[in-house]
C-alpha atoms as a PDB file:
ATOM      1  CA  MET A   1      21.862   3.606  -3.662  1.00  0.00           C
ATOM      2  CA  ALA A   2      19.824   1.894  -6.390  1.00  0.00           C
ATOM      3  CA  ASP A   3      21.583   4.038  -8.998  1.00  0.00           C
ATOM      4  CA  ASN A   4      21.145   1.359 -11.645  1.00  0.00           C
ATOM      5  CA  LEU A   5      17.350   1.346 -11.464  1.00  0.00           C
ATOM      6  CA  ASN A   6      15.344   2.361 -14.516  1.00  0.00           C
ATOM      7  CA  LEU A   7      12.605   4.541 -13.036  1.00  0.00           C
ATOM      8  CA  GLU A   8      10.287   3.913 -15.977  1.00  0.00           C
ATOM      9  CA  LYS A   9      10.299   0.181 -15.189  1.00  0.00           C
ATOM     10  CA  ILE A  10       8.985   0.696 -11.650  1.00  0.00           C
ATOM     11  CA  LEU A  11       5.337   0.670 -10.563  1.00  0.00           C
ATOM     12  CA  PHE A  12       4.898   2.500  -7.255  1.00  0.00           C
ATOM     13  CA  LEU A  13       1.907   1.451  -5.182  1.00  0.00           C
ATOM     14  CA  ASP A  14       0.051   1.847  -1.928  1.00  0.00           C
ATOM     15  CA  ILE A  15      -3.071   0.175  -0.567  1.00  0.00           C
ATOM     16  CA  GLU A  16      -5.700   1.269   1.939  1.00  0.00           C
ATOM     17  CA  THR A  17      -7.502  -1.354   3.993  1.00  0.00           C
ATOM     18  CA  VAL A  18     -10.432  -1.390   6.411  1.00  0.00           C
ATOM     19  CA  PRO A  19     -12.163  -3.953   8.656  1.00  0.00           C
ATOM     20  CA  GLN A  20     -14.581  -6.156   6.706  1.00  0.00           C
ATOM     21  CA  PHE A  21     -17.489  -5.155   8.948  1.00  0.00           C
ATOM     22  CA  GLU A  22     -18.582  -1.734  10.154  1.00  0.00           C
ATOM     23  CA  SER A  23     -18.172  -2.564  13.824  1.00  0.00           C
ATOM     24  CA  TYR A  24     -17.410  -5.347  16.264  1.00  0.00           C
ATOM     25  CA  ALA A  25     -21.141  -5.679  16.927  1.00  0.00           C
ATOM     26  CA  ARG A  26     -21.728  -6.465  13.226  1.00  0.00           C
ATOM     27  CA  LEU A  27     -19.337  -9.427  13.205  1.00  0.00           C
ATOM     28  CA  PRO A  28     -21.083 -12.766  12.513  1.00  0.00           C
ATOM     29  CA  GLY A  29     -20.832 -15.352  15.287  1.00  0.00           C
ATOM     30  CA  PHE A  30     -17.781 -17.395  14.305  1.00  0.00           C
ATOM     31  CA  ASP A  31     -15.977 -14.352  12.883  1.00  0.00           C
ATOM     32  CA  LYS A  32     -16.449 -12.707  16.267  1.00  0.00           C
ATOM     33  CA  ASP A  33     -14.988 -15.751  18.037  1.00  0.00           C
ATOM     34  CA  LEU A  34     -11.952 -15.676  15.741  1.00  0.00           C
ATOM     35  CA  TRP A  35     -11.436 -11.950  16.272  1.00  0.00           C
ATOM     36  CA  ASP A  36     -11.766 -12.394  20.040  1.00  0.00           C
ATOM     37  CA  TYR A  37      -8.913 -14.902  19.893  1.00  0.00           C
ATOM     38  CA  LYS A  38      -6.817 -12.579  17.722  1.00  0.00           C
ATOM     39  CA  ALA A  39      -7.473  -9.655  20.062  1.00  0.00           C
ATOM     40  CA  LEU A  40      -6.053 -11.622  22.997  1.00  0.00           C
ATOM     41  CA  HIS A  41      -2.647 -11.405  21.312  1.00  0.00           C
ATOM     42  CA  LEU A  42      -3.033  -7.717  20.461  1.00  0.00           C
ATOM     43  CA  LYS A  43      -3.989  -6.578  23.949  1.00  0.00           C
ATOM     44  CA  LYS A  44      -1.418  -4.260  25.539  1.00  0.00           C
ATOM     45  CA  VAL A  45      -3.276  -2.709  28.468  1.00  0.00           C
ATOM     46  CA  ASP A  46      -6.085  -3.960  30.699  1.00  0.00           C
ATOM     47  CA  THR A  47      -8.600  -1.629  29.095  1.00  0.00           C
ATOM     48  CA  ASP A  48      -8.044  -3.175  25.646  1.00  0.00           C
ATOM     49  CA  THR A  49     -10.966  -5.343  24.541  1.00  0.00           C
ATOM     50  CA  ALA A  50     -11.840  -7.214  21.379  1.00  0.00           C
ATOM     51  CA  GLU A  51     -14.344  -4.449  20.629  1.00  0.00           C
ATOM     52  CA  SER A  52     -11.978  -1.531  21.266  1.00  0.00           C
ATOM     53  CA  LEU A  53      -9.287  -3.182  19.146  1.00  0.00           C
ATOM     54  CA  TYR A  54     -11.593  -3.930  16.226  1.00  0.00           C
ATOM     55  CA  PRO A  55     -10.719  -0.741  14.263  1.00  0.00           C
ATOM     56  CA  ARG A  56      -7.293  -2.353  13.798  1.00  0.00           C
ATOM     57  CA  ALA A  57      -8.800  -5.374  12.062  1.00  0.00           C
ATOM     58  CA  GLY A  58      -8.147  -3.837   8.660  1.00  0.00           C
ATOM     59  CA  ILE A  59      -4.408  -4.359   9.133  1.00  0.00           C
ATOM     60  CA  TYR A  60      -4.896  -8.126   8.946  1.00  0.00           C
ATOM     61  CA  ALA A  61      -5.824  -9.721   5.621  1.00  0.00           C
ATOM     62  CA  GLU A  62      -7.934 -12.351   7.409  1.00  0.00           C
ATOM     63  CA  PHE A  63     -10.203  -9.684   8.925  1.00  0.00           C
ATOM     64  CA  GLY A  64      -9.821  -6.744   6.557  1.00  0.00           C
ATOM     65  CA  LYS A  65     -10.339  -5.821   2.932  1.00  0.00           C
ATOM     66  CA  ILE A  66      -8.768  -3.497   0.379  1.00  0.00           C
ATOM     67  CA  VAL A  67     -10.793  -0.429  -0.618  1.00  0.00           C
ATOM     68  CA  CYS A  68      -8.152   1.394  -2.669  1.00  0.00           C
ATOM     69  CA  ILE A  69      -5.008   0.546  -4.626  1.00  0.00           C
ATOM     70  CA  SER A  70      -3.169   3.590  -5.960  1.00  0.00           C
ATOM     71  CA  VAL A  71      -0.308   3.206  -8.403  1.00  0.00           C
ATOM     72  CA  GLY A  72       2.124   5.561 -10.082  1.00  0.00           C
ATOM     73  CA  TRP A  73       4.761   5.389 -12.792  1.00  0.00           C
ATOM     74  CA  PHE A  74       7.298   7.672 -14.445  1.00  0.00           C
ATOM     75  CA  MET A  75       7.178   8.357 -18.150  1.00  0.00           C
ATOM     76  CA  THR A  76       8.940  10.734 -20.503  1.00  0.00           C
ATOM     77  CA  GLU A  77       7.146  12.632 -23.237  1.00  0.00           C
ATOM     78  CA  SER A  78       8.652  15.372 -25.421  1.00  0.00           C
ATOM     79  CA  ASN A  79      11.775  15.300 -23.218  1.00  0.00           C
ATOM     80  CA  ARG A  80       9.706  16.066 -20.146  1.00  0.00           C
ATOM     81  CA  ARG A  81       9.245  13.746 -17.171  1.00  0.00           C
ATOM     82  CA  TYR A  82       5.806  12.959 -15.790  1.00  0.00           C
ATOM     83  CA  PHE A  83       4.554  10.877 -12.892  1.00  0.00           C
ATOM     84  CA  ILE A  84       1.188   9.309 -13.694  1.00  0.00           C
ATOM     85  CA  VAL A  85      -1.095   8.312 -10.795  1.00  0.00           C
ATOM     86  CA  LYS A  86      -4.083   5.981 -11.122  1.00  0.00           C
ATOM     87  CA  SER A  87      -6.346   4.385  -8.511  1.00  0.00           C
ATOM     88  CA  PHE A  88      -8.530   1.303  -8.307  1.00  0.00           C
ATOM     89  CA  TRP A  89     -11.127   1.817  -5.599  1.00  0.00           C
ATOM     90  CA  GLY A  90     -14.582   0.890  -4.459  1.00  0.00           C
ATOM     91  CA  ASP A  91     -16.609  -1.289  -2.110  1.00  0.00           C
ATOM     92  CA  ASP A  92     -16.282  -4.309  -4.427  1.00  0.00           C
ATOM     93  CA  GLU A  93     -12.859  -5.693  -3.527  1.00  0.00           C
ATOM     94  CA  THR A  94     -12.939  -8.424  -6.167  1.00  0.00           C
ATOM     95  CA  ASP A  95     -13.548  -5.870  -8.922  1.00  0.00           C
ATOM     96  CA  LEU A  96     -10.676  -3.573  -7.935  1.00  0.00           C
ATOM     97  CA  LEU A  97      -8.308  -6.549  -7.535  1.00  0.00           C
ATOM     98  CA  LEU A  98      -9.212  -7.826 -11.008  1.00  0.00           C
ATOM     99  CA  LYS A  99      -8.542  -4.397 -12.524  1.00  0.00           C
ATOM    100  CA  PHE A 100      -5.231  -4.131 -10.687  1.00  0.00           C
ATOM    101  CA  ARG A 101      -4.292  -7.618 -11.855  1.00  0.00           C
ATOM    102  CA  GLU A 102      -5.064  -6.638 -15.444  1.00  0.00           C
ATOM    103  CA  LEU A 103      -2.686  -3.669 -15.170  1.00  0.00           C
ATOM    104  CA  LEU A 104       0.118  -5.881 -13.864  1.00  0.00           C
ATOM    105  CA  THR A 105      -0.496  -8.668 -16.371  1.00  0.00           C
ATOM    106  CA  ASN A 106      -0.586  -6.346 -19.371  1.00  0.00           C
ATOM    107  CA  ASN A 107       2.088  -3.811 -18.455  1.00  0.00           C
ATOM    108  CA  TYR A 108       4.381  -5.229 -15.769  1.00  0.00           C
ATOM    109  CA  ASN A 109       5.105  -8.741 -16.972  1.00  0.00           C
ATOM    110  CA  LYS A 110       8.853  -8.688 -17.663  1.00  0.00           C
ATOM    111  CA  SER A 111      11.796  -9.559 -15.423  1.00  0.00           C
ATOM    112  CA  SER A 112      13.011  -5.952 -15.709  1.00  0.00           C
ATOM    113  CA  HIS A 113       9.844  -4.586 -14.096  1.00  0.00           C
ATOM    114  CA  LEU A 114       9.654  -3.791 -10.382  1.00  0.00           C
ATOM    115  CA  LEU A 115       7.007  -2.983  -7.777  1.00  0.00           C
ATOM    116  CA  CYS A 116       7.864  -0.386  -5.114  1.00  0.00           C
ATOM    117  CA  ALA A 117       6.113   0.460  -1.834  1.00  0.00           C
ATOM    118  CA  HIS A 118       7.064   1.681   1.629  1.00  0.00           C
ATOM    119  CA  ASN A 119       7.031  -1.290   4.001  1.00  0.00           C
ATOM    120  CA  GLY A 120       5.673  -3.171   1.007  1.00  0.00           C
ATOM    121  CA  LYS A 121       7.483  -6.407   1.774  1.00  0.00           C
ATOM    122  CA  GLU A 122       5.794  -6.705   5.159  1.00  0.00           C
ATOM    123  CA  PHE A 123       2.410  -5.214   4.325  1.00  0.00           C
ATOM    124  CA  ASP A 124       1.272  -4.201   0.827  1.00  0.00           C
ATOM    125  CA  PHE A 125       2.649  -7.104  -1.214  1.00  0.00           C
ATOM    126  CA  PRO A 126       1.619  -9.993   1.080  1.00  0.00           C
ATOM    127  CA  TYR A 127      -1.746  -8.352   1.844  1.00  0.00           C
ATOM    128  CA  LEU A 128      -2.515  -8.083  -1.872  1.00  0.00           C
ATOM    129  CA  CYS A 129      -1.604 -11.734  -2.432  1.00  0.00           C
ATOM    130  CA  ARG A 130      -3.732 -12.956   0.472  1.00  0.00           C
ATOM    131  CA  ARG A 131      -6.768 -10.943  -0.551  1.00  0.00           C
ATOM    132  CA  MET A 132      -6.400 -12.101  -4.156  1.00  0.00           C
ATOM    133  CA  LEU A 133      -6.446 -15.709  -3.003  1.00  0.00           C
ATOM    134  CA  LEU A 134      -9.516 -15.097  -0.856  1.00  0.00           C
ATOM    135  CA  ASN A 135     -11.265 -13.364  -3.766  1.00  0.00           C
ATOM    136  CA  LYS A 136     -10.265 -16.138  -6.197  1.00  0.00           C
ATOM    137  CA  VAL A 137      -8.149 -13.753  -8.268  1.00  0.00           C
ATOM    138  CA  ARG A 138      -5.038 -15.298  -9.794  1.00  0.00           C
ATOM    139  CA  ILE A 139      -1.888 -13.667  -8.405  1.00  0.00           C
ATOM    140  CA  PRO A 140       0.228 -12.029 -11.164  1.00  0.00           C
ATOM    141  CA  ASP A 141       3.763 -13.361 -11.457  1.00  0.00           C
ATOM    142  CA  ILE A 142       5.414 -10.065 -10.501  1.00  0.00           C
ATOM    143  CA  LEU A 143       3.518 -10.054  -7.204  1.00  0.00           C
ATOM    144  CA  ASN A 144       3.861 -13.734  -6.332  1.00  0.00           C
ATOM    145  CA  ILE A 145       7.190 -14.601  -4.693  1.00  0.00           C
ATOM    146  CA  GLY A 146       6.389 -18.310  -4.237  1.00  0.00           C
ATOM    147  CA  GLY A 147       9.307 -20.481  -5.306  1.00  0.00           C
ATOM    148  CA  LYS A 148      11.481 -17.521  -6.318  1.00  0.00           C
ATOM    149  CA  LYS A 149      15.047 -16.987  -5.202  1.00  0.00           C
ATOM    150  CA  PRO A 150      15.696 -13.705  -3.338  1.00  0.00           C
ATOM    151  CA  TRP A 151      17.329 -12.096  -6.364  1.00  0.00           C
ATOM    152  CA  GLU A 152      14.374 -13.036  -8.531  1.00  0.00           C
ATOM    153  CA  VAL A 153      11.844 -11.145  -6.417  1.00  0.00           C
ATOM    154  CA  GLN A 154      10.848  -7.946  -8.248  1.00  0.00           C
ATOM    155  CA  HIS A 155       9.937  -5.933  -5.170  1.00  0.00           C
ATOM    156  CA  LEU A 156      11.502  -2.708  -3.894  1.00  0.00           C
ATOM    157  CA  ASP A 157      10.825  -1.402  -0.413  1.00  0.00           C
ATOM    158  CA  THR A 158      11.903   2.149   0.457  1.00  0.00           C
ATOM    159  CA  MET A 159      11.872   1.288   4.161  1.00  0.00           C
ATOM    160  CA  ASP A 160      14.204  -1.632   3.439  1.00  0.00           C
ATOM    161  CA  MET A 161      16.500   0.676   1.482  1.00  0.00           C
ATOM    162  CA  TRP A 162      16.628   3.161   4.352  1.00  0.00           C
ATOM    163  CA  ARG A 163      17.534   0.426   6.827  1.00  0.00           C
ATOM    164  CA  PHE A 164      20.916  -0.300   5.198  1.00  0.00           C
ATOM    165  CA  GLY A 165      20.736  -3.758   6.760  1.00  0.00           C
ATOM    166  CA  ASP A 166      19.642  -2.501  10.208  1.00  0.00           C
ATOM    167  CA  TYR A 167      16.442  -4.332  11.227  1.00  0.00           C
ATOM    168  CA  LYS A 168      16.084  -3.011  14.773  1.00  0.00           C
ATOM    169  CA  SER A 169      13.351  -0.504  14.082  1.00  0.00           C
ATOM    170  CA  TYR A 170      10.428   0.485  11.861  1.00  0.00           C
ATOM    171  CA  THR A 171      10.728   3.850  10.104  1.00  0.00           C
ATOM    172  CA  PRO A 172       7.341   5.196   8.957  1.00  0.00           C
ATOM    173  CA  LEU A 173       6.885   7.095   5.715  1.00  0.00           C
ATOM    174  CA  LYS A 174       5.737  10.139   7.709  1.00  0.00           C
ATOM    175  CA  LEU A 175       9.133  10.390   9.424  1.00  0.00           C
ATOM    176  CA  LEU A 176      11.170   9.910   6.257  1.00  0.00           C
ATOM    177  CA  THR A 177       9.185  12.477   4.296  1.00  0.00           C
ATOM    178  CA  HIS A 178       9.778  14.941   7.136  1.00  0.00           C
ATOM    179  CA  ILE A 179      13.543  14.516   7.351  1.00  0.00           C
ATOM    180  CA  PHE A 180      13.910  14.607   3.551  1.00  0.00           C
ATOM    181  CA  ASN A 181      11.685  17.720   3.315  1.00  0.00           C
ATOM    182  CA  ILE A 182       9.130  15.890   1.181  1.00  0.00           C
ATOM    183  CA  PRO A 183       5.496  17.104   1.373  1.00  0.00           C
ATOM    184  CA  SER A 184       3.710  14.898   3.886  1.00  0.00           C
ATOM    185  CA  PRO A 185       0.931  12.590   2.639  1.00  0.00           C
ATOM    186  CA  LYS A 186      -0.483  12.572   6.186  1.00  0.00           C
ATOM    187  CA  ASP A 187      -1.695  16.182   6.183  1.00  0.00           C
ATOM    188  CA  GLU A 188      -5.402  15.227   6.156  1.00  0.00           C
ATOM    189  CA  ILE A 189      -5.709  11.735   7.643  1.00  0.00           C
ATOM    190  CA  ASP A 190      -3.350   8.925   8.543  1.00  0.00           C
ATOM    191  CA  GLY A 191      -3.619   5.163   8.331  1.00  0.00           C
ATOM    192  CA  SER A 192      -5.251   4.766  11.738  1.00  0.00           C
ATOM    193  CA  GLU A 193      -8.189   6.947  10.661  1.00  0.00           C
ATOM    194  CA  VAL A 194      -8.986   5.210   7.362  1.00  0.00           C
ATOM    195  CA  TRP A 195     -11.482   2.790   8.957  1.00  0.00           C
ATOM    196  CA  HIS A 196     -13.454   5.701  10.431  1.00  0.00           C
ATOM    197  CA  VAL A 197     -13.459   7.690   7.178  1.00  0.00           C
ATOM    198  CA  TYR A 198     -14.714   4.599   5.320  1.00  0.00           C
ATOM    199  CA  TRP A 199     -17.273   3.131   7.733  1.00  0.00           C
ATOM    200  CA  LYS A 200     -18.425   6.216   9.668  1.00  0.00           C
ATOM    201  CA  ASP A 201     -17.928   9.156   7.316  1.00  0.00           C
ATOM    202  CA  LYS A 202     -18.657   7.105   4.173  1.00  0.00           C
ATOM    203  CA  ASP A 203     -16.029   9.192   2.351  1.00  0.00           C
ATOM    204  CA  LEU A 204     -14.108   6.776   0.140  1.00  0.00           C
ATOM    205  CA  ARG A 205     -12.965   9.556  -2.197  1.00  0.00           C
ATOM    206  CA  ARG A 206     -11.045  11.106   0.686  1.00  0.00           C
ATOM    207  CA  ILE A 207      -9.279   7.782   1.229  1.00  0.00           C
ATOM    208  CA  VAL A 208      -8.410   7.612  -2.475  1.00  0.00           C
ATOM    209  CA  LYS A 209      -6.862  11.083  -2.326  1.00  0.00           C
ATOM    210  CA  TYR A 210      -4.837  10.057   0.736  1.00  0.00           C
ATOM    211  CA  CYS A 211      -3.685   6.849  -0.960  1.00  0.00           C
ATOM    212  CA  GLN A 212      -2.571   8.788  -4.041  1.00  0.00           C
ATOM    213  CA  LYS A 213      -0.544  11.138  -1.862  1.00  0.00           C
ATOM    214  CA  ASP A 214       1.219   8.139  -0.345  1.00  0.00           C
ATOM    215  CA  VAL A 215       2.201   6.869  -3.798  1.00  0.00           C
ATOM    216  CA  VAL A 216       3.619  10.270  -4.753  1.00  0.00           C
ATOM    217  CA  ALA A 217       5.501  10.416  -1.439  1.00  0.00           C
ATOM    218  CA  VAL A 218       7.071   6.988  -2.053  1.00  0.00           C
ATOM    219  CA  ALA A 219       8.200   8.062  -5.528  1.00  0.00           C
ATOM    220  CA  ARG A 220       9.705  11.253  -4.091  1.00  0.00           C
ATOM    221  CA  LEU A 221      11.407   9.256  -1.352  1.00  0.00           C
ATOM    222  CA  LEU A 222      12.997   6.897  -3.877  1.00  0.00           C
ATOM    223  CA  LEU A 223      14.331   9.904  -5.785  1.00  0.00           C
ATOM    224  CA  ALA A 224      15.771  11.273  -2.530  1.00  0.00           C
ATOM    225  CA  LEU A 225      17.422   7.926  -1.776  1.00  0.00           C
ATOM    226  CA  ARG A 226      19.018   8.128  -5.230  1.00  0.00           C
ATOM    227  CA  ASN A 227      20.135  11.761  -4.674  1.00  0.00           C
ATOM    228  CA  GLU A 228      18.080  12.799  -7.683  1.00  0.00           C
ATOM    229  CA  GLY A 229      16.134  15.944  -8.411  1.00  0.00           C
ATOM    230  CA  GLU A 230      12.731  16.535  -6.867  1.00  0.00           C
ATOM    231  CA  LEU A 231       9.417  15.496  -8.367  1.00  0.00           C
ATOM    232  CA  ASN A 232       7.519  18.747  -8.866  1.00  0.00           C
ATOM    233  CA  ASP A 233       3.749  19.067  -8.551  1.00  0.00           C
ATOM    234  CA  SER A 234       3.630  20.191 -12.199  1.00  0.00           C
ATOM    235  CA  GLU A 235       4.992  16.776 -13.230  1.00  0.00           C
ATOM    236  CA  ILE A 236       2.240  14.812 -11.454  1.00  0.00           C
ATOM    237  CA  VAL A 237      -0.790  13.748 -13.490  1.00  0.00           C
ATOM    238  CA  ILE A 238      -3.799  12.150 -11.746  1.00  0.00           C
ATOM    239  CA  THR A 239      -5.807   9.930 -14.109  1.00  0.00           C
ATOM    240  CA  ASP A 240      -9.187   8.205 -13.760  1.00  0.00           C
END
């Protein structure tokens, strides 16, 4: 599977998102009306309300925002492999999107380059594009699939690869890391808790650490799907 991929041409990524406002009560008038309408379609049990469902708002680009983008790439130096991890994070979404765009524009601008994420085709990639549009940030060519033929899209999705054409179910990264004996990135928090850590605990650095672990896990998963050797902790370099 994917044996012909050049690992050093791939940028692995993961994003963390939160609701745009601290709580349902903080939503401005019309925003609250729009969320109320959205919540009607999310309701599963009678006890679900627009307020109780609001922590999920970060999943939707119309109601959420990105607070961290972590990326990673393989490189070889002195015949030794390294996996470099870098994060763009902060409360200013426009600023982190501009910095991320600069990375893509300067370093991932060829047809041989690829972006890789778990469930990226359904979440990370479209979410990034939507938030870039809303923040008036020009979408880099490698991220924008508009007008491209399927074989021209430079996106890899480890969940897609695991499906082998079977689209009946969603397989989370947590499950795949478990069955492949990959260290879990969910050992501290998971995606459902990110909103609380950001808005209640005010601990963005913890979210960054979690996001970086996800990127490493995706890289390790891709290696496992290629039947390659493991990525050791000693090969991972976290940069500012």
